[in-house]
Amino acid sequence: AEALGISTIELLSGENVTNTNKSFNMAK
């Protein structure tokens, strides 16, 4: 996971998660 630059949980879940809520709008 470290070599791939993702979390262990992402690796185990089979999903690469990218948070697109960069402005941190809490309504999202």
PDB file of all heavy atoms in Angstrom:
ATOM      1  N   ALA A   1       0.838  -1.203   0.000  1.00  0.00           N
ATOM      2  CA  ALA A   1       0.000   0.000   0.000  1.00  0.00           C
ATOM      3  C   ALA A   1       0.872   1.252   0.000  1.00  0.00           C
ATOM      4  O   ALA A   1       0.612   2.206  -0.740  1.00  0.00           O
ATOM      5  CB  ALA A   1      -0.935  -0.008   1.208  1.00  0.00           C
ATOM      6  N   GLU A   2       1.926   1.237   0.822  1.00  0.00           N
ATOM      7  CA  GLU A   2       2.837   2.380   0.896  1.00  0.00           C
ATOM      8  C   GLU A   2       3.540   2.611  -0.438  1.00  0.00           C
ATOM      9  O   GLU A   2       3.641   3.748  -0.905  1.00  0.00           O
ATOM     10  CB  GLU A   2       3.866   2.141   2.000  1.00  0.00           C
ATOM     11  CG  GLU A   2       4.730   3.348   2.294  1.00  0.00           C
ATOM     12  CD  GLU A   2       5.682   3.099   3.453  1.00  0.00           C
ATOM     13  OE1 GLU A   2       5.250   2.548   4.482  1.00  0.00           O
ATOM     14  OE2 GLU A   2       6.861   3.479   3.317  1.00  0.00           O
ATOM     15  N   ALA A   3       3.979   1.536  -1.075  1.00  0.00           N
ATOM     16  CA  ALA A   3       4.663   1.649  -2.366  1.00  0.00           C
ATOM     17  C   ALA A   3       3.722   2.196  -3.441  1.00  0.00           C
ATOM     18  O   ALA A   3       4.147   2.934  -4.332  1.00  0.00           O
ATOM     19  CB  ALA A   3       5.219   0.293  -2.793  1.00  0.00           C
ATOM     20  N   LEU A   4       2.431   1.862  -3.336  1.00  0.00           N
ATOM     21  CA  LEU A   4       1.449   2.336  -4.312  1.00  0.00           C
ATOM     22  C   LEU A   4       0.892   3.715  -3.954  1.00  0.00           C
ATOM     23  O   LEU A   4       0.158   4.309  -4.734  1.00  0.00           O
ATOM     24  CB  LEU A   4       0.300   1.325  -4.434  1.00  0.00           C
ATOM     25  CG  LEU A   4       0.676  -0.037  -5.028  1.00  0.00           C
ATOM     26  CD1 LEU A   4      -0.500  -1.008  -4.925  1.00  0.00           C
ATOM     27  CD2 LEU A   4       1.121   0.100  -6.478  1.00  0.00           C
ATOM     28  N   GLY A   5       1.212   4.201  -2.747  1.00  0.00           N
ATOM     29  CA  GLY A   5       0.763   5.526  -2.336  1.00  0.00           C
ATOM     30  C   GLY A   5      -0.707   5.590  -1.970  1.00  0.00           C
ATOM     31  O   GLY A   5      -1.354   6.618  -2.144  1.00  0.00           O
ATOM     32  N   ILE A   6      -1.243   4.472  -1.458  1.00  0.00           N
ATOM     33  CA  ILE A   6      -2.637   4.440  -1.013  1.00  0.00           C
ATOM     34  C   ILE A   6      -2.685   3.863   0.397  1.00  0.00           C
ATOM     35  O   ILE A   6      -1.692   3.333   0.891  1.00  0.00           O
ATOM     36  CB  ILE A   6      -3.539   3.599  -1.963  1.00  0.00           C
ATOM     37  CG1 ILE A   6      -3.068   2.136  -2.035  1.00  0.00           C
ATOM     38  CG2 ILE A   6      -3.592   4.218  -3.348  1.00  0.00           C
ATOM     39  CD1 ILE A   6      -3.979   1.232  -2.827  1.00  0.00           C
ATOM     40  N   SER A   7      -3.842   3.964   1.033  1.00  0.00           N
ATOM     41  CA  SER A   7      -3.973   3.414   2.378  1.00  0.00           C
ATOM     42  C   SER A   7      -4.165   1.901   2.312  1.00  0.00           C
ATOM     43  O   SER A   7      -4.613   1.364   1.292  1.00  0.00           O
ATOM     44  CB  SER A   7      -5.163   4.049   3.108  1.00  0.00           C
ATOM     45  OG  SER A   7      -6.378   3.597   2.543  1.00  0.00           O
ATOM     46  N   THR A   8      -3.841   1.242   3.395  1.00  0.00           N
ATOM     47  CA  THR A   8      -4.039  -0.207   3.474  1.00  0.00           C
ATOM     48  C   THR A   8      -5.509  -0.550   3.293  1.00  0.00           C
ATOM     49  O   THR A   8      -5.856  -1.518   2.616  1.00  0.00           O
ATOM     50  CB  THR A   8      -3.535  -0.736   4.840  1.00  0.00           C
ATOM     51  OG1 THR A   8      -2.170  -0.334   5.007  1.00  0.00           O
ATOM     52  CG2 THR A   8      -3.618  -2.242   4.921  1.00  0.00           C
ATOM     53  N   ILE A   9      -6.380   0.269   3.857  1.00  0.00           N
ATOM     54  CA  ILE A   9      -7.823   0.012   3.738  1.00  0.00           C
ATOM     55  C   ILE A   9      -8.268   0.117   2.288  1.00  0.00           C
ATOM     56  O   ILE A   9      -9.058  -0.692   1.811  1.00  0.00           O
ATOM     57  CB  ILE A   9      -8.624   0.958   4.649  1.00  0.00           C
ATOM     58  CG1 ILE A   9      -8.318   0.631   6.118  1.00  0.00           C
ATOM     59  CG2 ILE A   9     -10.109   0.865   4.388  1.00  0.00           C
ATOM     60  CD1 ILE A   9      -8.906   1.599   7.105  1.00  0.00           C
ATOM     61  N   GLU A  10      -7.753   1.113   1.558  1.00  0.00           N
ATOM     62  CA  GLU A  10      -8.093   1.235   0.132  1.00  0.00           C
ATOM     63  C   GLU A  10      -7.636  -0.002  -0.627  1.00  0.00           C
ATOM     64  O   GLU A  10      -8.371  -0.530  -1.465  1.00  0.00           O
ATOM     65  CB  GLU A  10      -7.434   2.467  -0.473  1.00  0.00           C
ATOM     66  CG  GLU A  10      -8.093   3.773  -0.120  1.00  0.00           C
ATOM     67  CD  GLU A  10      -7.345   4.961  -0.687  1.00  0.00           C
ATOM     68  OE1 GLU A  10      -6.205   5.211  -0.234  1.00  0.00           O
ATOM     69  OE2 GLU A  10      -7.893   5.628  -1.567  1.00  0.00           O
ATOM     70  N   LEU A  11      -6.433  -0.461  -0.326  1.00  0.00           N
ATOM     71  CA  LEU A  11      -5.901  -1.645  -1.004  1.00  0.00           C
ATOM     72  C   LEU A  11      -6.769  -2.862  -0.721  1.00  0.00           C
ATOM     73  O   LEU A  11      -7.133  -3.602  -1.631  1.00  0.00           O
ATOM     74  CB  LEU A  11      -4.456  -1.905  -0.553  1.00  0.00           C
ATOM     75  CG  LEU A  11      -3.760  -3.110  -1.186  1.00  0.00           C
ATOM     76  CD1 LEU A  11      -3.634  -2.949  -2.697  1.00  0.00           C
ATOM     77  CD2 LEU A  11      -2.383  -3.312  -0.561  1.00  0.00           C
ATOM     78  N   LEU A  12      -7.152  -3.043   0.539  1.00  0.00           N
ATOM     79  CA  LEU A  12      -7.958  -4.205   0.914  1.00  0.00           C
ATOM     80  C   LEU A  12      -9.394  -4.103   0.410  1.00  0.00           C
ATOM     81  O   LEU A  12     -10.024  -5.113   0.113  1.00  0.00           O
ATOM     82  CB  LEU A  12      -7.942  -4.399   2.430  1.00  0.00           C
ATOM     83  CG  LEU A  12      -6.588  -4.781   3.024  1.00  0.00           C
ATOM     84  CD1 LEU A  12      -6.654  -4.792   4.543  1.00  0.00           C
ATOM     85  CD2 LEU A  12      -6.114  -6.126   2.500  1.00  0.00           C
ATOM     86  N   SER A  13      -9.923  -2.881   0.314  1.00  0.00           N
ATOM     87  CA  SER A  13     -11.309  -2.724  -0.140  1.00  0.00           C
ATOM     88  C   SER A  13     -11.424  -2.828  -1.652  1.00  0.00           C
ATOM     89  O   SER A  13     -12.508  -3.048  -2.186  1.00  0.00           O
ATOM     90  CB  SER A  13     -11.880  -1.383   0.316  1.00  0.00           C
ATOM     91  OG  SER A  13     -11.312  -0.318  -0.422  1.00  0.00           O
ATOM     92  N   GLY A  14     -10.302  -2.683  -2.348  1.00  0.00           N
ATOM     93  CA  GLY A  14     -10.334  -2.764  -3.807  1.00  0.00           C
ATOM     94  C   GLY A  14     -10.834  -1.482  -4.455  1.00  0.00           C
ATOM     95  O   GLY A  14     -11.174  -1.463  -5.618  1.00  0.00           O
ATOM     96  N   GLU A  15     -10.879  -0.402  -3.684  1.00  0.00           N
ATOM     97  CA  GLU A  15     -11.345   0.884  -4.212  1.00  0.00           C
ATOM     98  C   GLU A  15     -10.317   1.956  -3.942  1.00  0.00           C
ATOM     99  O   GLU A  15      -9.872   2.132  -2.822  1.00  0.00           O
ATOM    100  CB  GLU A  15     -12.647   1.307  -3.525  1.00  0.00           C
ATOM    101  CG  GLU A  15     -13.838   0.460  -3.866  1.00  0.00           C
ATOM    102  CD  GLU A  15     -15.079   0.968  -3.155  1.00  0.00           C
ATOM    103  OE1 GLU A  15     -15.257   2.196  -3.062  1.00  0.00           O
ATOM    104  OE2 GLU A  15     -15.850   0.132  -2.693  1.00  0.00           O
ATOM    105  N   ASN A  16      -9.952   2.658  -4.999  1.00  0.00           N
ATOM    106  CA  ASN A  16      -9.078   3.810  -4.846  1.00  0.00           C
ATOM    107  C   ASN A  16      -9.982   5.012  -4.644  1.00  0.00           C
ATOM    108  O   ASN A  16     -10.753   5.376  -5.522  1.00  0.00           O
ATOM    109  CB  ASN A  16      -8.205   3.987  -6.089  1.00  0.00           C
ATOM    110  CG  ASN A  16      -7.213   5.105  -5.946  1.00  0.00           C
ATOM    111  OD1 ASN A  16      -6.992   5.605  -4.858  1.00  0.00           O
ATOM    112  ND2 ASN A  16      -6.620   5.500  -7.050  1.00  0.00           N
ATOM    113  N   VAL A  17      -9.941   5.623  -3.482  1.00  0.00           N
ATOM    114  CA  VAL A  17     -10.862   6.703  -3.148  1.00  0.00           C
ATOM    115  C   VAL A  17     -10.180   8.039  -3.351  1.00  0.00           C
ATOM    116  O   VAL A  17      -9.091   8.276  -2.830  1.00  0.00           O
ATOM    117  CB  VAL A  17     -11.346   6.575  -1.685  1.00  0.00           C
ATOM    118  CG1 VAL A  17     -12.194   7.757  -1.302  1.00  0.00           C
ATOM    119  CG2 VAL A  17     -12.122   5.287  -1.528  1.00  0.00           C
ATOM    120  N   THR A  18     -10.812   8.912  -4.132  1.00  0.00           N
ATOM    121  CA  THR A  18     -10.329  10.262  -4.332  1.00  0.00           C
ATOM    122  C   THR A  18     -11.412  11.207  -3.859  1.00  0.00           C
ATOM    123  O   THR A  18     -12.517  11.214  -4.404  1.00  0.00           O
ATOM    124  CB  THR A  18     -10.017  10.525  -5.822  1.00  0.00           C
ATOM    125  OG1 THR A  18      -9.079   9.543  -6.266  1.00  0.00           O
ATOM    126  CG2 THR A  18      -9.442  11.908  -6.020  1.00  0.00           C
ATOM    127  N   ASN A  19     -11.101  11.983  -2.854  1.00  0.00           N
ATOM    128  CA  ASN A  19     -12.063  12.931  -2.314  1.00  0.00           C
ATOM    129  C   ASN A  19     -12.075  14.161  -3.207  1.00  0.00           C
ATOM    130  O   ASN A  19     -11.091  14.876  -3.303  1.00  0.00           O
ATOM    131  CB  ASN A  19     -11.692  13.299  -0.877  1.00  0.00           C
ATOM    132  CG  ASN A  19     -12.748  14.161  -0.216  1.00  0.00           C
ATOM    133  OD1 ASN A  19     -13.643  14.674  -0.865  1.00  0.00           O
ATOM    134  ND2 ASN A  19     -12.629  14.316   1.083  1.00  0.00           N
ATOM    135  N   THR A  20     -13.210  14.401  -3.876  1.00  0.00           N
ATOM    136  CA  THR A  20     -13.322  15.548  -4.772  1.00  0.00           C
ATOM    137  C   THR A  20     -13.888  16.778  -4.070  1.00  0.00           C
ATOM    138  O   THR A  20     -14.045  17.818  -4.683  1.00  0.00           O
ATOM    139  CB  THR A  20     -14.221  15.203  -5.974  1.00  0.00           C
ATOM    140  OG1 THR A  20     -15.496  14.779  -5.474  1.00  0.00           O
ATOM    141  CG2 THR A  20     -13.613  14.091  -6.818  1.00  0.00           C
ATOM    142  N   ASN A  21     -14.184  16.666  -2.784  1.00  0.00           N
ATOM    143  CA  ASN A  21     -14.741  17.785  -2.025  1.00  0.00           C
ATOM    144  C   ASN A  21     -13.592  18.647  -1.488  1.00  0.00           C
ATOM    145  O   ASN A  21     -13.416  18.809  -0.293  1.00  0.00           O
ATOM    146  CB  ASN A  21     -15.624  17.257  -0.882  1.00  0.00           C
ATOM    147  CG  ASN A  21     -16.404  18.351  -0.198  1.00  0.00           C
ATOM    148  OD1 ASN A  21     -16.478  19.472  -0.679  1.00  0.00           O
ATOM    149  ND2 ASN A  21     -16.985  18.028   0.946  1.00  0.00           N
ATOM    150  N   LYS A  22     -12.811  19.211  -2.394  1.00  0.00           N
ATOM    151  CA  LYS A  22     -11.606  19.957  -2.018  1.00  0.00           C
ATOM    152  C   LYS A  22     -11.910  21.239  -1.244  1.00  0.00           C
ATOM    153  O   LYS A  22     -11.096  21.714  -0.478  1.00  0.00           O
ATOM    154  CB  LYS A  22     -10.773  20.306  -3.256  1.00  0.00           C
ATOM    155  CG  LYS A  22     -10.324  19.094  -4.039  1.00  0.00           C
ATOM    156  CD  LYS A  22      -9.342  18.278  -3.284  1.00  0.00           C
ATOM    157  CE  LYS A  22      -8.829  17.141  -4.153  1.00  0.00           C
ATOM    158  NZ  LYS A  22      -8.213  16.094  -3.435  1.00  0.00           N
ATOM    159  N   SER A  23     -13.098  21.811  -1.441  1.00  0.00           N
ATOM    160  CA  SER A  23     -13.425  23.051  -0.731  1.00  0.00           C
ATOM    161  C   SER A  23     -14.012  22.764   0.644  1.00  0.00           C
ATOM    162  O   SER A  23     -14.322  23.673   1.382  1.00  0.00           O
ATOM    163  CB  SER A  23     -14.414  23.877  -1.554  1.00  0.00           C
ATOM    164  OG  SER A  23     -15.626  23.160  -1.724  1.00  0.00           O
ATOM    165  N   PHE A  24     -14.162  21.499   0.992  1.00  0.00           N
ATOM    166  CA  PHE A  24     -14.654  21.067   2.298  1.00  0.00           C
ATOM    167  C   PHE A  24     -16.021  21.649   2.629  1.00  0.00           C
ATOM    168  O   PHE A  24     -16.252  22.143   3.706  1.00  0.00           O
ATOM    169  CB  PHE A  24     -13.647  21.381   3.411  1.00  0.00           C
ATOM    170  CG  PHE A  24     -12.348  20.672   3.212  1.00  0.00           C
ATOM    171  CD1 PHE A  24     -11.250  21.341   2.723  1.00  0.00           C
ATOM    172  CD2 PHE A  24     -12.251  19.322   3.486  1.00  0.00           C
ATOM    173  CE1 PHE A  24     -10.049  20.669   2.524  1.00  0.00           C
ATOM    174  CE2 PHE A  24     -11.054  18.658   3.290  1.00  0.00           C
ATOM    175  CZ  PHE A  24      -9.958  19.325   2.810  1.00  0.00           C
ATOM    176  N   ASN A  25     -16.921  21.602   1.657  1.00  0.00           N
ATOM    177  CA  ASN A  25     -18.301  22.004   1.896  1.00  0.00           C
ATOM    178  C   ASN A  25     -18.952  20.906   2.708  1.00  0.00           C
ATOM    179  O   ASN A  25     -19.158  19.804   2.228  1.00  0.00           O
ATOM    180  CB  ASN A  25     -19.013  22.210   0.559  1.00  0.00           C
ATOM    181  CG  ASN A  25     -20.435  22.660   0.715  1.00  0.00           C
ATOM    182  OD1 ASN A  25     -21.051  22.487   1.769  1.00  0.00           O
ATOM    183  ND2 ASN A  25     -20.977  23.236  -0.339  1.00  0.00           N
ATOM    184  N   MET A  26     -19.266  21.193   3.958  1.00  0.00           N
ATOM    185  CA  MET A  26     -19.801  20.165   4.856  1.00  0.00           C
ATOM    186  C   MET A  26     -21.154  19.626   4.391  1.00  0.00           C
ATOM    187  O   MET A  26     -21.559  18.538   4.768  1.00  0.00           O
ATOM    188  CB  MET A  26     -19.902  20.701   6.284  1.00  0.00           C
ATOM    189  CG  MET A  26     -18.542  21.012   6.907  1.00  0.00           C
ATOM    190  SD  MET A  26     -17.357  19.652   6.814  1.00  0.00           S
ATOM    191  CE  MET A  26     -18.039  18.540   8.005  1.00  0.00           C
ATOM    192  N   ALA A  27     -21.858  20.385   3.552  1.00  0.00           N
ATOM    193  CA  ALA A  27     -23.136  19.899   3.029  1.00  0.00           C
ATOM    194  C   ALA A  27     -22.926  18.698   2.105  1.00  0.00           C
ATOM    195  O   ALA A  27     -23.855  17.956   1.831  1.00  0.00           O
ATOM    196  CB  ALA A  27     -23.871  21.012   2.291  1.00  0.00           C
ATOM    197  N   LYS A  28     -21.691  18.491   1.650  1.00  0.00           N
ATOM    198  CA  LYS A  28     -21.374  17.337   0.808  1.00  0.00           C
ATOM    199  C   LYS A  28     -20.792  16.185   1.626  1.00  0.00           C
ATOM    200  O   LYS A  28     -20.226  15.252   1.090  1.00  0.00           O
ATOM    201  CB  LYS A  28     -20.390  17.736  -0.288  1.00  0.00           C
ATOM    202  CG  LYS A  28     -20.959  18.744  -1.272  1.00  0.00           C
ATOM    203  CD  LYS A  28     -19.941  19.100  -2.324  1.00  0.00           C
ATOM    204  CE  LYS A  28     -20.505  20.133  -3.293  1.00  0.00           C
ATOM    205  NZ  LYS A  28     -19.517  20.534  -4.291  1.00  0.00           N
TER     206      LYS A  28
END
